[in-house]
Amino acid sequence: MWGLGAALAALGVYAATGAQIWFAIAHLTGFLNLFNLIPVWQLDGSRGFHALSRTERWIVVASIGVMLWLTSQRLLFIVGGVAVWRALQRDVGPGDRRVLATYVLLVVALSWIAKGVG
């Protein structure tokens, strides 16, 4: 969430000043934080996936697919591929709707920002 906040702050400064460097900072921040959502190893995406049930994991995979279709952000191929692999594993969490909502929100927002916001 802090990474999203930083990206939005940079977008706000860009909107206020028109200085392209702030747009580039927002774009890079969105991309780096989207990378952090890959559900593997010690990345935050793995920690979030740990709490999700199998059904919730597939909801995340679906949201990644939708955002890939809408934004063509190719990093989502990696995020989504690893998410599918994790969704197929036997070891799943108890489920947590708050974590699910946060994960989906981050995928949506960071995908748009990493794309370069339209």
PDB file of N, CA and C in Angstrom:
ATOM      1  N   MET A   1       0.827  -1.197   0.000  1.00  0.00           N
ATOM      2  CA  MET A   1       0.000   0.000   0.000  1.00  0.00           C
ATOM      3  C   MET A   1       0.874   1.265   0.000  1.00  0.00           C
ATOM      4  N   TRP A   2       2.017   1.198   0.686  1.00  0.00           N
ATOM      5  CA  TRP A   2       2.893   2.371   0.716  1.00  0.00           C
ATOM      6  C   TRP A   2       3.447   2.671  -0.671  1.00  0.00           C
ATOM      7  N   GLY A   3       3.749   1.640  -1.429  1.00  0.00           N
ATOM      8  CA  GLY A   3       4.253   1.839  -2.786  1.00  0.00           C
ATOM      9  C   GLY A   3       3.210   2.490  -3.674  1.00  0.00           C
ATOM     10  N   LEU A   4       1.963   2.063  -3.522  1.00  0.00           N
ATOM     11  CA  LEU A   4       0.878   2.684  -4.278  1.00  0.00           C
ATOM     12  C   LEU A   4       0.740   4.145  -3.881  1.00  0.00           C
ATOM     13  N   GLY A   5       0.850   4.421  -2.593  1.00  0.00           N
ATOM     14  CA  GLY A   5       0.775   5.803  -2.120  1.00  0.00           C
ATOM     15  C   GLY A   5       1.878   6.663  -2.714  1.00  0.00           C
ATOM     16  N   ALA A   6       3.084   6.110  -2.795  1.00  0.00           N
ATOM     17  CA  ALA A   6       4.203   6.854  -3.381  1.00  0.00           C
ATOM     18  C   ALA A   6       3.962   7.128  -4.861  1.00  0.00           C
ATOM     19  N   ALA A   7       3.443   6.133  -5.565  1.00  0.00           N
ATOM     20  CA  ALA A   7       3.157   6.319  -6.990  1.00  0.00           C
ATOM     21  C   ALA A   7       2.073   7.374  -7.195  1.00  0.00           C
ATOM     22  N   LEU A   8       1.037   7.330  -6.369  1.00  0.00           N
ATOM     23  CA  LEU A   8      -0.037   8.314  -6.478  1.00  0.00           C
ATOM     24  C   LEU A   8       0.456   9.714  -6.122  1.00  0.00           C
ATOM     25  N   ALA A   9       1.348   9.809  -5.133  1.00  0.00           N
ATOM     26  CA  ALA A   9       1.917  11.115  -4.776  1.00  0.00           C
ATOM     27  C   ALA A   9       2.724  11.683  -5.945  1.00  0.00           C
ATOM     28  N   ALA A  10       3.514  10.816  -6.588  1.00  0.00           N
ATOM     29  CA  ALA A  10       4.291  11.276  -7.743  1.00  0.00           C
ATOM     30  C   ALA A  10       3.362  11.710  -8.880  1.00  0.00           C
ATOM     31  N   LEU A  11       2.263  10.976  -9.076  1.00  0.00           N
ATOM     32  CA  LEU A  11       1.286  11.386 -10.095  1.00  0.00           C
ATOM     33  C   LEU A  11       0.653  12.729  -9.744  1.00  0.00           C
ATOM     34  N   GLY A  12       0.403  12.933  -8.460  1.00  0.00           N
ATOM     35  CA  GLY A  12      -0.157  14.214  -8.019  1.00  0.00           C
ATOM     36  C   GLY A  12       0.782  15.374  -8.285  1.00  0.00           C
ATOM     37  N   VAL A  13       2.067  15.172  -8.006  1.00  0.00           N
ATOM     38  CA  VAL A  13       3.049  16.228  -8.277  1.00  0.00           C
ATOM     39  C   VAL A  13       3.135  16.474  -9.785  1.00  0.00           C
ATOM     40  N   TYR A  14       3.102  15.393 -10.566  1.00  0.00           N
ATOM     41  CA  TYR A  14       3.109  15.552 -12.026  1.00  0.00           C
ATOM     42  C   TYR A  14       1.895  16.359 -12.496  1.00  0.00           C
ATOM     43  N   ALA A  15       0.718  16.033 -11.955  1.00  0.00           N
ATOM     44  CA  ALA A  15      -0.502  16.750 -12.343  1.00  0.00           C
ATOM     45  C   ALA A  15      -0.418  18.227 -11.978  1.00  0.00           C
ATOM     46  N   ALA A  16       0.223  18.518 -10.848  1.00  0.00           N
ATOM     47  CA  ALA A  16       0.321  19.908 -10.389  1.00  0.00           C
ATOM     48  C   ALA A  16       1.379  20.701 -11.145  1.00  0.00           C
ATOM     49  N   THR A  17       2.469  20.034 -11.533  1.00  0.00           N
ATOM     50  CA  THR A  17       3.589  20.765 -12.121  1.00  0.00           C
ATOM     51  C   THR A  17       3.771  20.531 -13.623  1.00  0.00           C
ATOM     52  N   GLY A  18       3.318  19.373 -14.084  1.00  0.00           N
ATOM     53  CA  GLY A  18       3.536  19.024 -15.483  1.00  0.00           C
ATOM     54  C   GLY A  18       4.956  18.574 -15.780  1.00  0.00           C
ATOM     55  N   ALA A  19       5.789  18.453 -14.749  1.00  0.00           N
ATOM     56  CA  ALA A  19       7.181  18.035 -14.936  1.00  0.00           C
ATOM     57  C   ALA A  19       7.222  16.531 -15.234  1.00  0.00           C
ATOM     58  N   GLN A  20       7.730  16.178 -16.401  1.00  0.00           N
ATOM     59  CA  GLN A  20       7.734  14.787 -16.860  1.00  0.00           C
ATOM     60  C   GLN A  20       8.496  13.841 -15.931  1.00  0.00           C
ATOM     61  N   ILE A  21       9.459  14.353 -15.188  1.00  0.00           N
ATOM     62  CA  ILE A  21      10.222  13.486 -14.284  1.00  0.00           C
ATOM     63  C   ILE A  21       9.306  12.832 -13.251  1.00  0.00           C
ATOM     64  N   TRP A  22       8.283  13.546 -12.810  1.00  0.00           N
ATOM     65  CA  TRP A  22       7.359  12.983 -11.818  1.00  0.00           C
ATOM     66  C   TRP A  22       6.481  11.903 -12.423  1.00  0.00           C
ATOM     67  N   PHE A  23       6.150  12.061 -13.695  1.00  0.00           N
ATOM     68  CA  PHE A  23       5.407  11.006 -14.381  1.00  0.00           C
ATOM     69  C   PHE A  23       6.269   9.758 -14.503  1.00  0.00           C
ATOM     70  N   ALA A  24       7.544   9.938 -14.827  1.00  0.00           N
ATOM     71  CA  ALA A  24       8.472   8.806 -14.933  1.00  0.00           C
ATOM     72  C   ALA A  24       8.656   8.125 -13.581  1.00  0.00           C
ATOM     73  N   ILE A  25       8.745   8.913 -12.525  1.00  0.00           N
ATOM     74  CA  ILE A  25       8.886   8.344 -11.181  1.00  0.00           C
ATOM     75  C   ILE A  25       7.636   7.533 -10.821  1.00  0.00           C
ATOM     76  N   ALA A  26       6.463   8.060 -11.134  1.00  0.00           N
ATOM     77  CA  ALA A  26       5.218   7.334 -10.850  1.00  0.00           C
ATOM     78  C   ALA A  26       5.177   6.032 -11.635  1.00  0.00           C
ATOM     79  N   HIS A  27       5.542   6.082 -12.893  1.00  0.00           N
ATOM     80  CA  HIS A  27       5.545   4.898 -13.757  1.00  0.00           C
ATOM     81  C   HIS A  27       6.497   3.836 -13.208  1.00  0.00           C
ATOM     82  N   LEU A  28       7.713   4.232 -12.866  1.00  0.00           N
ATOM     83  CA  LEU A  28       8.697   3.296 -12.332  1.00  0.00           C
ATOM     84  C   LEU A  28       8.252   2.735 -10.988  1.00  0.00           C
ATOM     85  N   THR A  29       7.694   3.569 -10.138  1.00  0.00           N
ATOM     86  CA  THR A  29       7.209   3.117  -8.833  1.00  0.00           C
ATOM     87  C   THR A  29       6.089   2.102  -9.001  1.00  0.00           C
ATOM     88  N   GLY A  30       5.180   2.353  -9.927  1.00  0.00           N
ATOM     89  CA  GLY A  30       4.116   1.387 -10.198  1.00  0.00           C
ATOM     90  C   GLY A  30       4.667   0.069 -10.681  1.00  0.00           C
ATOM     91  N   PHE A  31       5.637   0.117 -11.580  1.00  0.00           N
ATOM     92  CA  PHE A  31       6.242  -1.100 -12.123  1.00  0.00           C
ATOM     93  C   PHE A  31       6.957  -1.903 -11.031  1.00  0.00           C
ATOM     94  N   LEU A  32       7.763  -1.230 -10.216  1.00  0.00           N
ATOM     95  CA  LEU A  32       8.498  -1.921  -9.151  1.00  0.00           C
ATOM     96  C   LEU A  32       7.561  -2.548  -8.127  1.00  0.00           C
ATOM     97  N   ASN A  33       6.504  -1.845  -7.784  1.00  0.00           N
ATOM     98  CA  ASN A  33       5.561  -2.385  -6.803  1.00  0.00           C
ATOM     99  C   ASN A  33       4.696  -3.486  -7.401  1.00  0.00           C
ATOM    100  N   LEU A  34       4.436  -3.445  -8.678  1.00  0.00           N
ATOM    101  CA  LEU A  34       3.750  -4.552  -9.340  1.00  0.00           C
ATOM    102  C   LEU A  34       4.642  -5.783  -9.339  1.00  0.00           C
ATOM    103  N   PHE A  35       5.932  -5.610  -9.582  1.00  0.00           N
ATOM    104  CA  PHE A  35       6.895  -6.712  -9.495  1.00  0.00           C
ATOM    105  C   PHE A  35       6.867  -7.334  -8.099  1.00  0.00           C
ATOM    106  N   ASN A  36       6.744  -6.505  -7.083  1.00  0.00           N
ATOM    107  CA  ASN A  36       6.717  -6.969  -5.699  1.00  0.00           C
ATOM    108  C   ASN A  36       5.486  -7.832  -5.400  1.00  0.00           C
ATOM    109  N   LEU A  37       4.476  -7.781  -6.253  1.00  0.00           N
ATOM    110  CA  LEU A  37       3.277  -8.596  -6.060  1.00  0.00           C
ATOM    111  C   LEU A  37       3.423 -10.015  -6.594  1.00  0.00           C
ATOM    112  N   ILE A  38       4.555 -10.341  -7.218  1.00  0.00           N
ATOM    113  CA  ILE A  38       4.763 -11.719  -7.665  1.00  0.00           C
ATOM    114  C   ILE A  38       4.727 -12.611  -6.424  1.00  0.00           C
ATOM    115  N   PRO A  39       3.852 -13.617  -6.406  1.00  0.00           N
ATOM    116  CA  PRO A  39       3.699 -14.439  -5.196  1.00  0.00           C
ATOM    117  C   PRO A  39       4.769 -15.527  -5.069  1.00  0.00           C
ATOM    118  N   VAL A  40       6.003 -15.106  -4.897  1.00  0.00           N
ATOM    119  CA  VAL A  40       7.115 -16.043  -4.777  1.00  0.00           C
ATOM    120  C   VAL A  40       8.123 -15.515  -3.764  1.00  0.00           C
ATOM    121  N   TRP A  41       8.789 -16.419  -3.119  1.00  0.00           N
ATOM    122  CA  TRP A  41       9.876 -16.196  -2.187  1.00  0.00           C
ATOM    123  C   TRP A  41       9.488 -15.190  -1.122  1.00  0.00           C
ATOM    124  N   GLN A  42      10.275 -14.134  -0.923  1.00  0.00           N
ATOM    125  CA  GLN A  42      10.035 -13.173   0.151  1.00  0.00           C
ATOM    126  C   GLN A  42       9.321 -11.910  -0.318  1.00  0.00           C
ATOM    127  N   LEU A  43       8.843 -11.890  -1.538  1.00  0.00           N
ATOM    128  CA  LEU A  43       8.131 -10.720  -2.030  1.00  0.00           C
ATOM    129  C   LEU A  43       6.784 -10.599  -1.330  1.00  0.00           C
ATOM    130  N   ASP A  44       6.240  -9.388  -1.285  1.00  0.00           N
ATOM    131  CA  ASP A  44       4.964  -9.154  -0.600  1.00  0.00           C
ATOM    132  C   ASP A  44       3.819  -9.961  -1.197  1.00  0.00           C
ATOM    133  N   GLY A  45       3.876 -10.225  -2.498  1.00  0.00           N
ATOM    134  CA  GLY A  45       2.840 -11.032  -3.128  1.00  0.00           C
ATOM    135  C   GLY A  45       2.756 -12.428  -2.532  1.00  0.00           C
ATOM    136  N   SER A  46       3.887 -12.989  -2.167  1.00  0.00           N
ATOM    137  CA  SER A  46       3.897 -14.316  -1.544  1.00  0.00           C
ATOM    138  C   SER A  46       3.268 -14.275  -0.161  1.00  0.00           C
ATOM    139  N   ARG A  47       3.550 -13.242   0.552  1.00  0.00           N
ATOM    140  CA  ARG A  47       2.969 -13.099   1.900  1.00  0.00           C
ATOM    141  C   ARG A  47       1.457 -12.941   1.824  1.00  0.00           C
ATOM    142  N   GLY A  48       0.988 -12.196   0.838  1.00  0.00           N
ATOM    143  CA  GLY A  48      -0.449 -12.044   0.649  1.00  0.00           C
ATOM    144  C   GLY A  48      -1.100 -13.350   0.226  1.00  0.00           C
ATOM    145  N   PHE A  49      -0.476 -14.057  -0.709  1.00  0.00           N
ATOM    146  CA  PHE A  49      -1.031 -15.323  -1.185  1.00  0.00           C
ATOM    147  C   PHE A  49      -1.105 -16.364  -0.088  1.00  0.00           C
ATOM    148  N   HIS A  50      -0.203 -16.306   0.841  1.00  0.00           N
ATOM    149  CA  HIS A  50      -0.164 -17.276   1.942  1.00  0.00           C
ATOM    150  C   HIS A  50      -1.492 -17.316   2.701  1.00  0.00           C
ATOM    151  N   ALA A  51      -2.171 -16.192   2.820  1.00  0.00           N
ATOM    152  CA  ALA A  51      -3.418 -16.115   3.588  1.00  0.00           C
ATOM    153  C   ALA A  51      -4.651 -16.478   2.769  1.00  0.00           C
ATOM    154  N   LEU A  52      -4.527 -16.555   1.451  1.00  0.00           N
ATOM    155  CA  LEU A  52      -5.694 -16.724   0.597  1.00  0.00           C
ATOM    156  C   LEU A  52      -6.106 -18.184   0.426  1.00  0.00           C
ATOM    157  N   SER A  53      -7.414 -18.403   0.369  1.00  0.00           N
ATOM    158  CA  SER A  53      -7.938 -19.738   0.074  1.00  0.00           C
ATOM    159  C   SER A  53      -7.759 -20.027  -1.413  1.00  0.00           C
ATOM    160  N   ARG A  54      -8.029 -21.241  -1.819  1.00  0.00           N
ATOM    161  CA  ARG A  54      -7.891 -21.600  -3.231  1.00  0.00           C
ATOM    162  C   ARG A  54      -8.807 -20.731  -4.115  1.00  0.00           C
ATOM    163  N   THR A  55     -10.051 -20.574  -3.717  1.00  0.00           N
ATOM    164  CA  THR A  55     -10.994 -19.750  -4.491  1.00  0.00           C
ATOM    165  C   THR A  55     -10.508 -18.312  -4.579  1.00  0.00           C
ATOM    166  N   GLU A  56     -10.026 -17.762  -3.476  1.00  0.00           N
ATOM    167  CA  GLU A  56      -9.520 -16.382  -3.473  1.00  0.00           C
ATOM    168  C   GLU A  56      -8.303 -16.250  -4.378  1.00  0.00           C
ATOM    169  N   ARG A  57      -7.460 -17.273  -4.401  1.00  0.00           N
ATOM    170  CA  ARG A  57      -6.293 -17.234  -5.284  1.00  0.00           C
ATOM    171  C   ARG A  57      -6.719 -17.182  -6.748  1.00  0.00           C
ATOM    172  N   TRP A  58      -7.749 -17.923  -7.101  1.00  0.00           N
ATOM    173  CA  TRP A  58      -8.234 -17.899  -8.482  1.00  0.00           C
ATOM    174  C   TRP A  58      -8.895 -16.556  -8.809  1.00  0.00           C
ATOM    175  N   ILE A  59      -9.476 -15.914  -7.828  1.00  0.00           N
ATOM    176  CA  ILE A  59     -10.019 -14.563  -8.049  1.00  0.00           C
ATOM    177  C   ILE A  59      -8.881 -13.596  -8.374  1.00  0.00           C
ATOM    178  N   VAL A  60      -7.777 -13.726  -7.663  1.00  0.00           N
ATOM    179  CA  VAL A  60      -6.600 -12.893  -7.960  1.00  0.00           C
ATOM    180  C   VAL A  60      -6.095 -13.179  -9.366  1.00  0.00           C
ATOM    181  N   VAL A  61      -6.004 -14.459  -9.731  1.00  0.00           N
ATOM    182  CA  VAL A  61      -5.550 -14.824 -11.086  1.00  0.00           C
ATOM    183  C   VAL A  61      -6.470 -14.185 -12.122  1.00  0.00           C
ATOM    184  N   ALA A  62      -7.773 -14.241 -11.890  1.00  0.00           N
ATOM    185  CA  ALA A  62      -8.726 -13.638 -12.828  1.00  0.00           C
ATOM    186  C   ALA A  62      -8.529 -12.123 -12.925  1.00  0.00           C
ATOM    187  N   SER A  63      -8.299 -11.472 -11.796  1.00  0.00           N
ATOM    188  CA  SER A  63      -8.092 -10.020 -11.821  1.00  0.00           C
ATOM    189  C   SER A  63      -6.807  -9.667 -12.558  1.00  0.00           C
ATOM    190  N   ILE A  64      -5.788 -10.488 -12.406  1.00  0.00           N
ATOM    191  CA  ILE A  64      -4.534 -10.273 -13.144  1.00  0.00           C
ATOM    192  C   ILE A  64      -4.796 -10.423 -14.642  1.00  0.00           C
ATOM    193  N   GLY A  65      -5.569 -11.433 -15.022  1.00  0.00           N
ATOM    194  CA  GLY A  65      -5.908 -11.638 -16.427  1.00  0.00           C
ATOM    195  C   GLY A  65      -6.677 -10.464 -17.009  1.00  0.00           C
ATOM    196  N   VAL A  66      -7.636  -9.959 -16.252  1.00  0.00           N
ATOM    197  CA  VAL A  66      -8.413  -8.803 -16.718  1.00  0.00           C
ATOM    198  C   VAL A  66      -7.500  -7.593 -16.905  1.00  0.00           C
ATOM    199  N   MET A  67      -6.620  -7.360 -15.956  1.00  0.00           N
ATOM    200  CA  MET A  67      -5.736  -6.198 -16.063  1.00  0.00           C
ATOM    201  C   MET A  67      -4.707  -6.374 -17.180  1.00  0.00           C
ATOM    202  N   LEU A  68      -4.284  -7.603 -17.426  1.00  0.00           N
ATOM    203  CA  LEU A  68      -3.399  -7.859 -18.560  1.00  0.00           C
ATOM    204  C   LEU A  68      -4.112  -7.508 -19.858  1.00  0.00           C
ATOM    205  N   TRP A  69      -5.371  -7.894 -19.965  1.00  0.00           N
ATOM    206  CA  TRP A  69      -6.170  -7.598 -21.153  1.00  0.00           C
ATOM    207  C   TRP A  69      -6.388  -6.085 -21.310  1.00  0.00           C
ATOM    208  N   LEU A  70      -6.665  -5.400 -20.184  1.00  0.00           N
ATOM    209  CA  LEU A  70      -6.964  -3.965 -20.250  1.00  0.00           C
ATOM    210  C   LEU A  70      -5.727  -3.095 -20.462  1.00  0.00           C
ATOM    211  N   THR A  71      -4.607  -3.487 -19.857  1.00  0.00           N
ATOM    212  CA  THR A  71      -3.434  -2.612 -19.877  1.00  0.00           C
ATOM    213  C   THR A  71      -2.299  -3.095 -20.772  1.00  0.00           C
ATOM    214  N   SER A  72      -2.304  -4.367 -21.133  1.00  0.00           N
ATOM    215  CA  SER A  72      -1.191  -4.976 -21.896  1.00  0.00           C
ATOM    216  C   SER A  72       0.139  -4.849 -21.165  1.00  0.00           C
ATOM    217  N   GLN A  73       0.093  -4.731 -19.852  1.00  0.00           N
ATOM    218  CA  GLN A  73       1.312  -4.641 -19.038  1.00  0.00           C
ATOM    219  C   GLN A  73       1.926  -6.038 -18.963  1.00  0.00           C
ATOM    220  N   ARG A  74       3.032  -6.245 -19.672  1.00  0.00           N
ATOM    221  CA  ARG A  74       3.610  -7.581 -19.815  1.00  0.00           C
ATOM    222  C   ARG A  74       4.153  -8.171 -18.530  1.00  0.00           C
ATOM    223  N   LEU A  75       4.475  -7.348 -17.556  1.00  0.00           N
ATOM    224  CA  LEU A  75       4.921  -7.878 -16.270  1.00  0.00           C
ATOM    225  C   LEU A  75       3.837  -8.764 -15.644  1.00  0.00           C
ATOM    226  N   LEU A  76       2.593  -8.520 -16.013  1.00  0.00           N
ATOM    227  CA  LEU A  76       1.491  -9.327 -15.483  1.00  0.00           C
ATOM    228  C   LEU A  76       1.542 -10.775 -15.952  1.00  0.00           C
ATOM    229  N   PHE A  77       2.251 -11.062 -17.048  1.00  0.00           N
ATOM    230  CA  PHE A  77       2.456 -12.455 -17.451  1.00  0.00           C
ATOM    231  C   PHE A  77       3.219 -13.211 -16.357  1.00  0.00           C
ATOM    232  N   ILE A  78       4.225 -12.566 -15.799  1.00  0.00           N
ATOM    233  CA  ILE A  78       5.016 -13.204 -14.741  1.00  0.00           C
ATOM    234  C   ILE A  78       4.207 -13.283 -13.454  1.00  0.00           C
ATOM    235  N   VAL A  79       3.593 -12.165 -13.063  1.00  0.00           N
ATOM    236  CA  VAL A  79       2.780 -12.153 -11.843  1.00  0.00           C
ATOM    237  C   VAL A  79       1.674 -13.201 -11.952  1.00  0.00           C
ATOM    238  N   GLY A  80       0.996 -13.229 -13.091  1.00  0.00           N
ATOM    239  CA  GLY A  80      -0.096 -14.174 -13.290  1.00  0.00           C
ATOM    240  C   GLY A  80       0.369 -15.611 -13.389  1.00  0.00           C
ATOM    241  N   GLY A  81       1.467 -15.855 -14.065  1.00  0.00           N
ATOM    242  CA  GLY A  81       1.993 -17.218 -14.183  1.00  0.00           C
ATOM    243  C   GLY A  81       2.336 -17.817 -12.835  1.00  0.00           C
ATOM    244  N   VAL A  82       3.011 -17.038 -12.012  1.00  0.00           N
ATOM    245  CA  VAL A  82       3.359 -17.521 -10.667  1.00  0.00           C
ATOM    246  C   VAL A  82       2.097 -17.663  -9.819  1.00  0.00           C
ATOM    247  N   ALA A  83       1.133 -16.762 -10.005  1.00  0.00           N
ATOM    248  CA  ALA A  83      -0.124 -16.850  -9.257  1.00  0.00           C
ATOM    249  C   ALA A  83      -0.883 -18.135  -9.613  1.00  0.00           C
ATOM    250  N   VAL A  84      -0.888 -18.503 -10.878  1.00  0.00           N
ATOM    251  CA  VAL A  84      -1.526 -19.763 -11.284  1.00  0.00           C
ATOM    252  C   VAL A  84      -0.824 -20.936 -10.611  1.00  0.00           C
ATOM    253  N   TRP A  85       0.506 -20.924 -10.641  1.00  0.00           N
ATOM    254  CA  TRP A  85       1.281 -21.993 -10.000  1.00  0.00           C
ATOM    255  C   TRP A  85       0.943 -22.095  -8.514  1.00  0.00           C
ATOM    256  N   ARG A  86       0.861 -20.956  -7.849  1.00  0.00           N
ATOM    257  CA  ARG A  86       0.528 -20.960  -6.411  1.00  0.00           C
ATOM    258  C   ARG A  86      -0.918 -21.395  -6.171  1.00  0.00           C
ATOM    259  N   ALA A  87      -1.831 -21.043  -7.073  1.00  0.00           N
ATOM    260  CA  ALA A  87      -3.235 -21.430  -6.915  1.00  0.00           C
ATOM    261  C   ALA A  87      -3.411 -22.937  -7.065  1.00  0.00           C
ATOM    262  N   LEU A  88      -2.537 -23.574  -7.815  1.00  0.00           N
ATOM    263  CA  LEU A  88      -2.627 -25.015  -8.031  1.00  0.00           C
ATOM    264  C   LEU A  88      -2.005 -25.834  -6.903  1.00  0.00           C
ATOM    265  N   GLN A  89      -1.270 -25.210  -6.023  1.00  0.00           N
ATOM    266  CA  GLN A  89      -0.620 -25.929  -4.931  1.00  0.00           C
ATOM    267  C   GLN A  89      -1.628 -26.401  -3.900  1.00  0.00           C
ATOM    268  N   ARG A  90      -1.264 -27.446  -3.199  1.00  0.00           N
ATOM    269  CA  ARG A  90      -2.149 -27.989  -2.161  1.00  0.00           C
ATOM    270  C   ARG A  90      -2.165 -27.124  -0.909  1.00  0.00           C
ATOM    271  N   ASP A  91      -1.039 -26.501  -0.605  1.00  0.00           N
ATOM    272  CA  ASP A  91      -0.916 -25.689   0.605  1.00  0.00           C
ATOM    273  C   ASP A  91      -1.586 -24.332   0.384  1.00  0.00           C
ATOM    274  N   VAL A  92      -2.784 -24.167   0.940  1.00  0.00           N
ATOM    275  CA  VAL A  92      -3.504 -22.904   0.810  1.00  0.00           C
ATOM    276  C   VAL A  92      -3.828 -22.357   2.190  1.00  0.00           C
ATOM    277  N   GLY A  93      -4.115 -21.083   2.242  1.00  0.00           N
ATOM    278  CA  GLY A  93      -4.441 -20.434   3.501  1.00  0.00           C
ATOM    279  C   GLY A  93      -5.904 -20.593   3.861  1.00  0.00           C
ATOM    280  N   PRO A  94      -6.272 -20.045   5.004  1.00  0.00           N
ATOM    281  CA  PRO A  94      -7.647 -20.150   5.476  1.00  0.00           C
ATOM    282  C   PRO A  94      -8.614 -19.225   4.732  1.00  0.00           C
ATOM    283  N   GLY A  95      -8.081 -18.238   4.053  1.00  0.00           N
ATOM    284  CA  GLY A  95      -8.906 -17.249   3.368  1.00  0.00           C
ATOM    285  C   GLY A  95      -8.996 -15.971   4.170  1.00  0.00           C
ATOM    286  N   ASP A  96      -8.937 -14.857   3.471  1.00  0.00           N
ATOM    287  CA  ASP A  96      -8.998 -13.557   4.124  1.00  0.00           C
ATOM    288  C   ASP A  96      -9.489 -12.552   3.094  1.00  0.00           C
ATOM    289  N   ARG A  97     -10.739 -12.133   3.228  1.00  0.00           N
ATOM    290  CA  ARG A  97     -11.332 -11.231   2.235  1.00  0.00           C
ATOM    291  C   ARG A  97     -10.653  -9.872   2.191  1.00  0.00           C
ATOM    292  N   ARG A  98     -10.151  -9.430   3.322  1.00  0.00           N
ATOM    293  CA  ARG A  98      -9.456  -8.138   3.344  1.00  0.00           C
ATOM    294  C   ARG A  98      -8.155  -8.204   2.543  1.00  0.00           C
ATOM    295  N   VAL A  99      -7.414  -9.281   2.729  1.00  0.00           N
ATOM    296  CA  VAL A  99      -6.178  -9.470   1.955  1.00  0.00           C
ATOM    297  C   VAL A  99      -6.518  -9.600   0.473  1.00  0.00           C
ATOM    298  N   LEU A 100      -7.572 -10.336   0.159  1.00  0.00           N
ATOM    299  CA  LEU A 100      -8.006 -10.491  -1.233  1.00  0.00           C
ATOM    300  C   LEU A 100      -8.331  -9.126  -1.845  1.00  0.00           C
ATOM    301  N   ALA A 101      -9.114  -8.322  -1.147  1.00  0.00           N
ATOM    302  CA  ALA A 101      -9.492  -7.001  -1.661  1.00  0.00           C
ATOM    303  C   ALA A 101      -8.263  -6.117  -1.850  1.00  0.00           C
ATOM    304  N   THR A 102      -7.337  -6.157  -0.907  1.00  0.00           N
ATOM    305  CA  THR A 102      -6.116  -5.357  -1.002  1.00  0.00           C
ATOM    306  C   THR A 102      -5.279  -5.797  -2.198  1.00  0.00           C
ATOM    307  N   TYR A 103      -5.117  -7.107  -2.364  1.00  0.00           N
ATOM    308  CA  TYR A 103      -4.310  -7.639  -3.464  1.00  0.00           C
ATOM    309  C   TYR A 103      -4.904  -7.230  -4.810  1.00  0.00           C
ATOM    310  N   VAL A 104      -6.218  -7.398  -4.956  1.00  0.00           N
ATOM    311  CA  VAL A 104      -6.877  -7.043  -6.218  1.00  0.00           C
ATOM    312  C   VAL A 104      -6.764  -5.536  -6.474  1.00  0.00           C
ATOM    313  N   LEU A 105      -6.986  -4.723  -5.442  1.00  0.00           N
ATOM    314  CA  LEU A 105      -6.840  -3.274  -5.589  1.00  0.00           C
ATOM    315  C   LEU A 105      -5.439  -2.911  -6.058  1.00  0.00           C
ATOM    316  N   LEU A 106      -4.430  -3.526  -5.466  1.00  0.00           N
ATOM    317  CA  LEU A 106      -3.051  -3.232  -5.848  1.00  0.00           C
ATOM    318  C   LEU A 106      -2.770  -3.666  -7.279  1.00  0.00           C
ATOM    319  N   VAL A 107      -3.255  -4.836  -7.673  1.00  0.00           N
ATOM    320  CA  VAL A 107      -3.061  -5.295  -9.055  1.00  0.00           C
ATOM    321  C   VAL A 107      -3.679  -4.293 -10.029  1.00  0.00           C
ATOM    322  N   VAL A 108      -4.893  -3.874  -9.750  1.00  0.00           N
ATOM    323  CA  VAL A 108      -5.593  -2.942 -10.647  1.00  0.00           C
ATOM    324  C   VAL A 108      -4.873  -1.597 -10.713  1.00  0.00           C
ATOM    325  N   ALA A 109      -4.634  -0.996  -9.565  1.00  0.00           N
ATOM    326  CA  ALA A 109      -4.045   0.348  -9.537  1.00  0.00           C
ATOM    327  C   ALA A 109      -2.621   0.356 -10.071  1.00  0.00           C
ATOM    328  N   LEU A 110      -1.797  -0.591  -9.635  1.00  0.00           N
ATOM    329  CA  LEU A 110      -0.402  -0.591 -10.057  1.00  0.00           C
ATOM    330  C   LEU A 110      -0.262  -0.955 -11.531  1.00  0.00           C
ATOM    331  N   SER A 111      -1.168  -1.770 -12.044  1.00  0.00           N
ATOM    332  CA  SER A 111      -1.128  -2.096 -13.480  1.00  0.00           C
ATOM    333  C   SER A 111      -1.354  -0.844 -14.315  1.00  0.00           C
ATOM    334  N   TRP A 112      -2.341  -0.029 -13.915  1.00  0.00           N
ATOM    335  CA  TRP A 112      -2.621   1.210 -14.648  1.00  0.00           C
ATOM    336  C   TRP A 112      -1.441   2.168 -14.557  1.00  0.00           C
ATOM    337  N   ILE A 113      -0.894   2.301 -13.356  1.00  0.00           N
ATOM    338  CA  ILE A 113       0.219   3.237 -13.175  1.00  0.00           C
ATOM    339  C   ILE A 113       1.460   2.740 -13.921  1.00  0.00           C
ATOM    340  N   ALA A 114       1.745   1.429 -13.835  1.00  0.00           N
ATOM    341  CA  ALA A 114       2.916   0.870 -14.525  1.00  0.00           C
ATOM    342  C   ALA A 114       2.764   0.968 -16.039  1.00  0.00           C
ATOM    343  N   LYS A 115       1.528   0.929 -16.515  1.00  0.00           N
ATOM    344  CA  LYS A 115       1.270   1.080 -17.947  1.00  0.00           C
ATOM    345  C   LYS A 115       1.658   2.474 -18.420  1.00  0.00           C
ATOM    346  N   GLY A 116       1.530   3.426 -17.533  1.00  0.00           N
ATOM    347  CA  GLY A 116       1.825   4.813 -17.885  1.00  0.00           C
ATOM    348  C   GLY A 116       0.578   5.667 -17.871  1.00  0.00           C
ATOM    349  N   VAL A 117      -0.455   5.161 -17.230  1.00  0.00           N
ATOM    350  CA  VAL A 117      -1.721   5.858 -17.021  1.00  0.00           C
ATOM    351  C   VAL A 117      -2.228   6.542 -18.283  1.00  0.00           C
ATOM    352  N   GLY A 118      -2.519   5.693 -19.243  1.00  0.00           N
ATOM    353  CA  GLY A 118      -3.236   6.020 -20.370  1.00  0.00           C
ATOM    354  C   GLY A 118      -2.951   6.962 -21.392  1.00  0.00           C
TER     355      GLY A 118
END
